[in-house]
């Protein structure tokens, strides 16, 4: 088993969030991470915001090295650790992991803590000038918060997810995310999805706060299959953007990244050039191959699922109006609030045309049983419109029978599910259609 396969299984080890273990690890090395970072937290949208901003920096400052650390990955764990557009090479990942693993075990690091350590060590070896750093869970006690030298902070949104660790109220969750703000002078950019009553939490941490919808703005002009156009209104720049990434929330992520880019002296020309070609897998991703019509999305909490279906409702009335009603393929991991998700899904599905819901089991140690998902969902959705399959392969076998009828499919519920599906597609499971 190579180190990548080992980590794929070890990933699901976790402990109570906290910085003591990773601090102990770096102190044993005799150094704490000192590369300047753009730190990004948020319930939803942080991965896309981080990826867009990193692309801006790679294009604007090609002579410098900028790191990008995100999670989760879709197909390969190396996707999480990137410098100037290139993922960490397997031999380098293996070398660093094997060398530092004994110390990691001694310090009792969780998977995410050790992966964060590996990333920071590699970024140091690559002489990165800066890192765009996405939190894994919350902010205050997240392993990424070991980095103390910050260029700016971004909080994309505050919603319900991971309540077991972050708390059961939005106030508690907001305080966890505000924990990445280490200085009252730190430039802090907030998304428009953060409720007004939570804003004082962030403004108490920083005197330099700017919020989307108050200090800078976006306005969508047009949307079509494969792209959308929006206007950006900054404090100094106003310009039109052609954006390849679909979805309402994608524009919000782009706006946050643009404002951060302005602060970091990235030109408007670079911004427009990057967004014209930017697309992130697993986020409102359209796949059309012959008879195959699919939309893939990793939405896995109530807010993200609601946002996806609100986009789809709009698309069904416009550029997807000719598409037949889709079949929906759904799966979850165990730590998700099934009741909340079921309520949101049933509410949103009443607003769109759809055929049936196919529930299947993710190939993961954390996978929720389809029978459990079904038992909850049947309280909110008609049983006759739901079917259960033991795994993705059998679910795709069912879909294969419907391809010739032009039936589209929507895969939603987990980024890991998107990765699993993309592997099966790459292996030719639906080839010939």
Foldseek 3Di string as FASTA:
>chain_A
DAPQVVLQFLQPFDDAFAQPLLVVLVVVVVDFQAAAEAEEEEPDLRVLLLVLLLLLCLVQCVVAKEWEADDDDQATRQVRTDISRHGDDSVLLRVLCVVSVVSSVVSVPGSQLVVLVSNSVVCVVVVHNYYYYYFDAQAQRTSVLSHDRYQAYEYAAFDDDPCVRQNDDSLSSLLSNLNSLDAQDHAYEYEPRYDPVNVVSNNVSHVHYDYEPGQWYKAWDADAPQWTKMWTGHPPDTDIAIAREDFPSSVRSLNRSVVVCVSVPRDPVSSRVSRNPDDDPQCQDWDDDPLATEGGHADAALVSVLRVLVRVLVCCVPRVVVAAAAEEEEWEFQRYDLLSNLVSVLVSVVSDGHQAYEYEWEPGPRTDASVVSLVNNVVRDPNVRYYYDHHDLVVVVVVLVCSVVSHYYYYYHHSNVSSVVVVCVVVPSNPPD
